[in-house]
C-alpha cells in the first residue's frame, strides 16, 4: 500500500503525540486493534467509512468503539479529528506509516520472508539473526509460504532481496551450465 502525503503527515503527527506521552507502542497496538475490528465487521466499516452517514453519527460510533476497546484519549481524539477532516479513508495508510515510524524509532525493521514450507523455530531464528547482522537492526519476520519455490526462502528487508530459493539456485546452475557449452 502506498501512503499519500496527507496520510504520512497525519501518521507523523500521531506518532509525535504518542512519543510525547511515551505511548508509541501502546498507540500502535490500539490502532492495530481498531484496524482488525474494521476488517472483521462490514457493518462497522459501513457505518464509519461511508460518507453518506452524517459526521456526528460517525464520530459517535467511533467514540463508543474507542471506549469499548479501551482506546487512549490520543487515539480517540485522533479518530475524531480524522472524521472532522474527512480523512478516515486514509486510515489504512496512516496505520501503515505509523508502524514504519514506530519501527524506525525502535531500531527495528520488518522482513517479508517467503519459504517453500513453513519455517521451523530454529530456521526462523537463524534467518532473523542473519538478517539482523546484515541490516544492523532488530528484525521482525512476516512469513508466507509459496510451494513453487521448491525449497529455501526469499527474504526482503529495507529494499534488499535475499533469494536463497531452490528455484533460483537451479536457474543459476542452469545458466552457468548453458554458458559453458
C-alpha atoms as a PDB file:
ATOM      1  CA  UNK A   1       0.000   0.000   0.000  1.00  0.00           C
ATOM      2  CA  UNK A   2       1.269   3.456  -0.904  1.00  0.00           C
ATOM      3  CA  UNK A   3       0.748   6.239   1.630  1.00  0.00           C
ATOM      4  CA  UNK A   4      -0.473   9.638   0.495  1.00  0.00           C
ATOM      5  CA  UNK A   5       1.352  12.752   1.650  1.00  0.00           C
ATOM      6  CA  UNK A   6      -1.616  13.565   3.890  1.00  0.00           C
ATOM      7  CA  UNK A   7      -1.573  10.085   5.457  1.00  0.00           C
ATOM      8  CA  UNK A   8       2.144  10.457   6.194  1.00  0.00           C
ATOM      9  CA  UNK A   9       1.559  13.871   7.822  1.00  0.00           C
ATOM     10  CA  UNK A  10      -1.254  12.522   9.997  1.00  0.00           C
ATOM     11  CA  UNK A  11       0.815   9.493  10.983  1.00  0.00           C
ATOM     12  CA  UNK A  12       3.776  11.713  11.921  1.00  0.00           C
ATOM     13  CA  UNK A  13       1.511  13.966  13.990  1.00  0.00           C
ATOM     14  CA  UNK A  14       0.012  10.999  15.838  1.00  0.00           C
ATOM     15  CA  UNK A  15       3.479   9.495  16.324  1.00  0.00           C
ATOM     16  CA  UNK A  16       4.719  12.779  17.767  1.00  0.00           C
ATOM     17  CA  UNK A  17       1.806  12.984  20.222  1.00  0.00           C
ATOM     18  CA  UNK A  18       2.284   9.354  21.271  1.00  0.00           C
ATOM     19  CA  UNK A  19       6.023   9.918  21.682  1.00  0.00           C
ATOM     20  CA  UNK A  20       5.452  12.926  23.943  1.00  0.00           C
ATOM     21  CA  UNK A  21       3.421  10.707  26.256  1.00  0.00           C
ATOM     22  CA  UNK A  22       5.741   7.694  25.953  1.00  0.00           C
ATOM     23  CA  UNK A  23       2.961   5.633  24.388  1.00  0.00           C
ATOM     24  CA  UNK A  24       4.296   4.848  20.899  1.00  0.00           C
ATOM     25  CA  UNK A  25       3.877   1.073  21.143  1.00  0.00           C
ATOM     26  CA  UNK A  26       0.595   1.310  23.071  1.00  0.00           C
ATOM     27  CA  UNK A  27      -0.905   3.553  20.381  1.00  0.00           C
ATOM     28  CA  UNK A  28       0.396   1.186  17.709  1.00  0.00           C
ATOM     29  CA  UNK A  29      -1.392  -1.669  19.443  1.00  0.00           C
ATOM     30  CA  UNK A  30      -4.616   0.355  19.724  1.00  0.00           C
ATOM     31  CA  UNK A  31      -4.515   1.190  16.015  1.00  0.00           C
ATOM     32  CA  UNK A  32      -3.963  -2.489  15.162  1.00  0.00           C
ATOM     33  CA  UNK A  33      -6.943  -3.484  17.309  1.00  0.00           C
ATOM     34  CA  UNK A  34      -9.188  -0.965  15.588  1.00  0.00           C
ATOM     35  CA  UNK A  35      -7.934  -1.995  12.143  1.00  0.00           C
ATOM     36  CA  UNK A  36      -8.730  -5.624  12.972  1.00  0.00           C
ATOM     37  CA  UNK A  37     -12.233  -4.676  14.126  1.00  0.00           C
ATOM     38  CA  UNK A  38     -12.834  -2.704  10.914  1.00  0.00           C
ATOM     39  CA  UNK A  39     -11.671  -5.681   8.861  1.00  0.00           C
ATOM     40  CA  UNK A  40     -13.913  -8.120  10.758  1.00  0.00           C
ATOM     41  CA  UNK A  41     -17.162  -6.136  10.563  1.00  0.00           C
ATOM     42  CA  UNK A  42     -18.635  -4.893   7.306  1.00  0.00           C
ATOM     43  CA  UNK A  43     -21.402  -3.141   9.288  1.00  0.00           C
ATOM     44  CA  UNK A  44     -18.827  -1.220  11.310  1.00  0.00           C
ATOM     45  CA  UNK A  45     -16.863  -0.313   8.173  1.00  0.00           C
ATOM     46  CA  UNK A  46     -20.058   0.841   6.507  1.00  0.00           C
ATOM     47  CA  UNK A  47     -21.094   2.984   9.485  1.00  0.00           C
ATOM     48  CA  UNK A  48     -17.704   4.637   9.821  1.00  0.00           C
ATOM     49  CA  UNK A  49     -16.166   4.904   6.375  1.00  0.00           C
ATOM     50  CA  UNK A  50     -19.202   5.683   4.204  1.00  0.00           C
ATOM     51  CA  UNK A  51     -19.630   9.434   3.813  1.00  0.00           C
ATOM     52  CA  UNK A  52     -23.404   9.070   3.459  1.00  0.00           C
ATOM     53  CA  UNK A  53     -23.575   8.794   7.254  1.00  0.00           C
ATOM     54  CA  UNK A  54     -23.536  12.206   8.980  1.00  0.00           C
ATOM     55  CA  UNK A  55     -20.262  13.282  10.574  1.00  0.00           C
ATOM     56  CA  UNK A  56     -21.878  13.427  14.025  1.00  0.00           C
ATOM     57  CA  UNK A  57     -23.082   9.834  13.674  1.00  0.00           C
ATOM     58  CA  UNK A  58     -19.682   8.539  12.566  1.00  0.00           C
ATOM     59  CA  UNK A  59     -17.984  10.487  15.340  1.00  0.00           C
ATOM     60  CA  UNK A  60     -20.376   8.954  17.894  1.00  0.00           C
ATOM     61  CA  UNK A  61     -19.812   5.407  16.603  1.00  0.00           C
ATOM     62  CA  UNK A  62     -16.044   5.875  16.756  1.00  0.00           C
ATOM     63  CA  UNK A  63     -16.172   7.418  20.250  1.00  0.00           C
ATOM     64  CA  UNK A  64     -18.255   4.458  21.501  1.00  0.00           C
ATOM     65  CA  UNK A  65     -15.980   1.949  19.775  1.00  0.00           C
ATOM     66  CA  UNK A  66     -12.854   3.544  21.242  1.00  0.00           C
ATOM     67  CA  UNK A  67     -14.437   3.472  24.698  1.00  0.00           C
ATOM     68  CA  UNK A  68     -15.421  -0.212  24.326  1.00  0.00           C
ATOM     69  CA  UNK A  69     -11.917  -1.325  23.374  1.00  0.00           C
ATOM     70  CA  UNK A  70     -10.246   0.921  25.941  1.00  0.00           C
ATOM     71  CA  UNK A  71      -8.506   3.237  23.481  1.00  0.00           C
ATOM     72  CA  UNK A  72      -6.494   6.086  24.910  1.00  0.00           C
ATOM     73  CA  UNK A  73      -7.526   9.711  24.702  1.00  0.00           C
ATOM     74  CA  UNK A  74      -4.881  10.203  21.989  1.00  0.00           C
ATOM     75  CA  UNK A  75      -6.406   7.591  19.678  1.00  0.00           C
ATOM     76  CA  UNK A  76      -9.998   8.556  20.406  1.00  0.00           C
ATOM     77  CA  UNK A  77      -9.296  12.241  19.713  1.00  0.00           C
ATOM     78  CA  UNK A  78      -7.275  11.349  16.628  1.00  0.00           C
ATOM     79  CA  UNK A  79     -10.220   9.465  15.138  1.00  0.00           C
ATOM     80  CA  UNK A  80     -12.490  12.415  15.871  1.00  0.00           C
ATOM     81  CA  UNK A  81     -10.014  14.630  14.053  1.00  0.00           C
ATOM     82  CA  UNK A  82      -9.931  12.265  11.064  1.00  0.00           C
ATOM     83  CA  UNK A  83     -13.731  12.328  10.886  1.00  0.00           C
ATOM     84  CA  UNK A  84     -13.779  16.141  11.013  1.00  0.00           C
ATOM     85  CA  UNK A  85     -11.129  16.382   8.283  1.00  0.00           C
ATOM     86  CA  UNK A  86     -12.822  13.701   6.155  1.00  0.00           C
ATOM     87  CA  UNK A  87      -9.636  11.624   6.265  1.00  0.00           C
ATOM     88  CA  UNK A  88     -10.911   8.331   7.647  1.00  0.00           C
ATOM     89  CA  UNK A  89     -10.434   6.959   4.149  1.00  0.00           C
ATOM     90  CA  UNK A  90      -6.664   7.239   4.786  1.00  0.00           C
ATOM     91  CA  UNK A  91      -6.753   5.157   7.970  1.00  0.00           C
ATOM     92  CA  UNK A  92      -5.023   2.088   6.482  1.00  0.00           C
ATOM     93  CA  UNK A  93      -2.193   4.216   5.086  1.00  0.00           C
ATOM     94  CA  UNK A  94      -1.907   6.153   8.343  1.00  0.00           C
ATOM     95  CA  UNK A  95      -1.727   2.892  10.293  1.00  0.00           C
ATOM     96  CA  UNK A  96       0.965   1.530   7.971  1.00  0.00           C
ATOM     97  CA  UNK A  97       3.042   4.715   8.123  1.00  0.00           C
ATOM     98  CA  UNK A  98       2.702   4.918  11.911  1.00  0.00           C
ATOM     99  CA  UNK A  99       4.052   1.359  12.100  1.00  0.00           C
ATOM    100  CA  UNK A 100       7.069   2.312   9.974  1.00  0.00           C
ATOM    101  CA  UNK A 101       7.774   5.301  12.218  1.00  0.00           C
ATOM    102  CA  UNK A 102       7.480   3.180  15.370  1.00  0.00           C
ATOM    103  CA  UNK A 103       9.776   0.512  13.900  1.00  0.00           C
ATOM    104  CA  UNK A 104      12.352   3.077  12.863  1.00  0.00           C
ATOM    105  CA  UNK A 105      12.342   4.726  16.285  1.00  0.00           C
ATOM    106  CA  UNK A 106      12.823   1.338  17.940  1.00  0.00           C
ATOM    107  CA  UNK A 107      15.686   0.337  15.601  1.00  0.00           C
ATOM    108  CA  UNK A 108      13.516  -2.367  14.114  1.00  0.00           C
ATOM    109  CA  UNK A 109      12.823  -3.431  10.526  1.00  0.00           C
ATOM    110  CA  UNK A 110      10.260  -5.802   9.099  1.00  0.00           C
ATOM    111  CA  UNK A 111      11.369  -8.529   6.760  1.00  0.00           C
ATOM    112  CA  UNK A 112       8.975 -10.353   4.472  1.00  0.00           C
ATOM    113  CA  UNK A 113      10.032 -13.962   4.162  1.00  0.00           C
ATOM    114  CA  UNK A 114       8.503 -16.438   1.758  1.00  0.00           C
ATOM    115  CA  UNK A 115       9.599 -20.053   2.034  1.00  0.00           C
ATOM    116  CA  UNK A 116       8.650 -23.285   0.286  1.00  0.00           C
ATOM    117  CA  UNK A 117       7.359 -24.728   3.564  1.00  0.00           C
ATOM    118  CA  UNK A 118       6.625 -23.260   6.974  1.00  0.00           C
ATOM    119  CA  UNK A 119       9.886 -22.454   8.773  1.00  0.00           C
ATOM    120  CA  UNK A 120      10.847 -24.346  11.905  1.00  0.00           C
ATOM    121  CA  UNK A 121      11.666 -22.279  15.002  1.00  0.00           C
ATOM    122  CA  UNK A 122      15.428 -22.879  14.642  1.00  0.00           C
ATOM    123  CA  UNK A 123      15.360 -21.849  10.950  1.00  0.00           C
ATOM    124  CA  UNK A 124      13.320 -18.764  11.762  1.00  0.00           C
ATOM    125  CA  UNK A 125      15.768 -17.717  14.481  1.00  0.00           C
ATOM    126  CA  UNK A 126      18.820 -18.356  12.255  1.00  0.00           C
ATOM    127  CA  UNK A 127      17.255 -16.280   9.492  1.00  0.00           C
ATOM    128  CA  UNK A 128      16.333 -13.486  11.917  1.00  0.00           C
ATOM    129  CA  UNK A 129      19.936 -13.366  13.243  1.00  0.00           C
ATOM    130  CA  UNK A 130      21.422 -13.352   9.722  1.00  0.00           C
ATOM    131  CA  UNK A 131      19.151 -10.518   8.592  1.00  0.00           C
ATOM    132  CA  UNK A 132      19.842  -8.573  11.805  1.00  0.00           C
ATOM    133  CA  UNK A 133      23.591  -8.903  11.199  1.00  0.00           C
ATOM    134  CA  UNK A 134      23.124  -7.723   7.617  1.00  0.00           C
ATOM    135  CA  UNK A 135      20.891  -4.731   8.466  1.00  0.00           C
ATOM    136  CA  UNK A 136      22.289  -3.815  11.875  1.00  0.00           C
ATOM    137  CA  UNK A 137      18.741  -3.651  13.240  1.00  0.00           C
ATOM    138  CA  UNK A 138      16.316  -5.810  15.156  1.00  0.00           C
ATOM    139  CA  UNK A 139      14.319  -7.842  12.601  1.00  0.00           C
ATOM    140  CA  UNK A 140      10.663  -8.821  12.822  1.00  0.00           C
ATOM    141  CA  UNK A 141       9.675 -11.528  10.348  1.00  0.00           C
ATOM    142  CA  UNK A 142       6.432 -11.573   8.385  1.00  0.00           C
ATOM    143  CA  UNK A 143       6.223 -15.066   6.956  1.00  0.00           C
ATOM    144  CA  UNK A 144       4.486 -16.576   3.975  1.00  0.00           C
ATOM    145  CA  UNK A 145       4.610 -19.915   2.172  1.00  0.00           C
ATOM    146  CA  UNK A 146       4.984 -20.460  -1.588  1.00  0.00           C
ATOM    147  CA  UNK A 147       5.413 -24.129  -2.587  1.00  0.00           C
ATOM    148  CA  UNK A 148       6.558 -23.052  -6.074  1.00  0.00           C
ATOM    149  CA  UNK A 149       9.920 -22.081  -4.542  1.00  0.00           C
ATOM    150  CA  UNK A 150      10.639 -25.844  -4.254  1.00  0.00           C
ATOM    151  CA  UNK A 151      12.934 -25.235  -1.266  1.00  0.00           C
ATOM    152  CA  UNK A 152      14.734 -22.449   0.566  1.00  0.00           C
ATOM    153  CA  UNK A 153      13.387 -18.945   1.125  1.00  0.00           C
ATOM    154  CA  UNK A 154      13.285 -15.397  -0.249  1.00  0.00           C
ATOM    155  CA  UNK A 155      13.591 -12.524   2.217  1.00  0.00           C
ATOM    156  CA  UNK A 156      13.104  -8.827   1.514  1.00  0.00           C
ATOM    157  CA  UNK A 157      14.065  -6.200   4.050  1.00  0.00           C
ATOM    158  CA  UNK A 158      14.745  -2.478   3.683  1.00  0.00           C
ATOM    159  CA  UNK A 159      14.652  -2.681  -0.102  1.00  0.00           C
ATOM    160  CA  UNK A 160      17.117  -5.585  -0.269  1.00  0.00           C
ATOM    161  CA  UNK A 161      16.134  -9.036  -1.515  1.00  0.00           C
ATOM    162  CA  UNK A 162      17.955 -12.154  -0.388  1.00  0.00           C
ATOM    163  CA  UNK A 163      16.974 -15.039  -2.636  1.00  0.00           C
ATOM    164  CA  UNK A 164      18.021 -18.405  -1.268  1.00  0.00           C
ATOM    165  CA  UNK A 165      15.269 -20.345  -3.006  1.00  0.00           C
ATOM    166  CA  UNK A 166      15.986 -23.655  -4.677  1.00  0.00           C
ATOM    167  CA  UNK A 167      14.161 -22.400  -7.779  1.00  0.00           C
ATOM    168  CA  UNK A 168      16.665 -19.515  -8.139  1.00  0.00           C
ATOM    169  CA  UNK A 169      19.644 -21.735  -7.354  1.00  0.00           C
ATOM    170  CA  UNK A 170      18.540 -24.202 -10.052  1.00  0.00           C
ATOM    171  CA  UNK A 171      18.054 -21.351 -12.537  1.00  0.00           C
ATOM    172  CA  UNK A 172      21.557 -20.054 -11.773  1.00  0.00           C
ATOM    173  CA  UNK A 173      23.020 -23.539 -12.145  1.00  0.00           C
ATOM    174  CA  UNK A 174      21.192 -23.962 -15.453  1.00  0.00           C
ATOM    175  CA  UNK A 175      22.507 -20.587 -16.618  1.00  0.00           C
ATOM    176  CA  UNK A 176      26.100 -21.434 -15.732  1.00  0.00           C
ATOM    177  CA  UNK A 177      25.861 -24.883 -17.382  1.00  0.00           C
ATOM    178  CA  UNK A 178      24.425 -23.457 -20.607  1.00  0.00           C
ATOM    179  CA  UNK A 179      27.142 -20.766 -20.762  1.00  0.00           C
ATOM    180  CA  UNK A 180      29.862 -23.413 -20.674  1.00  0.00           C
ATOM    181  CA  UNK A 181      28.527 -25.162 -23.732  1.00  0.00           C
END
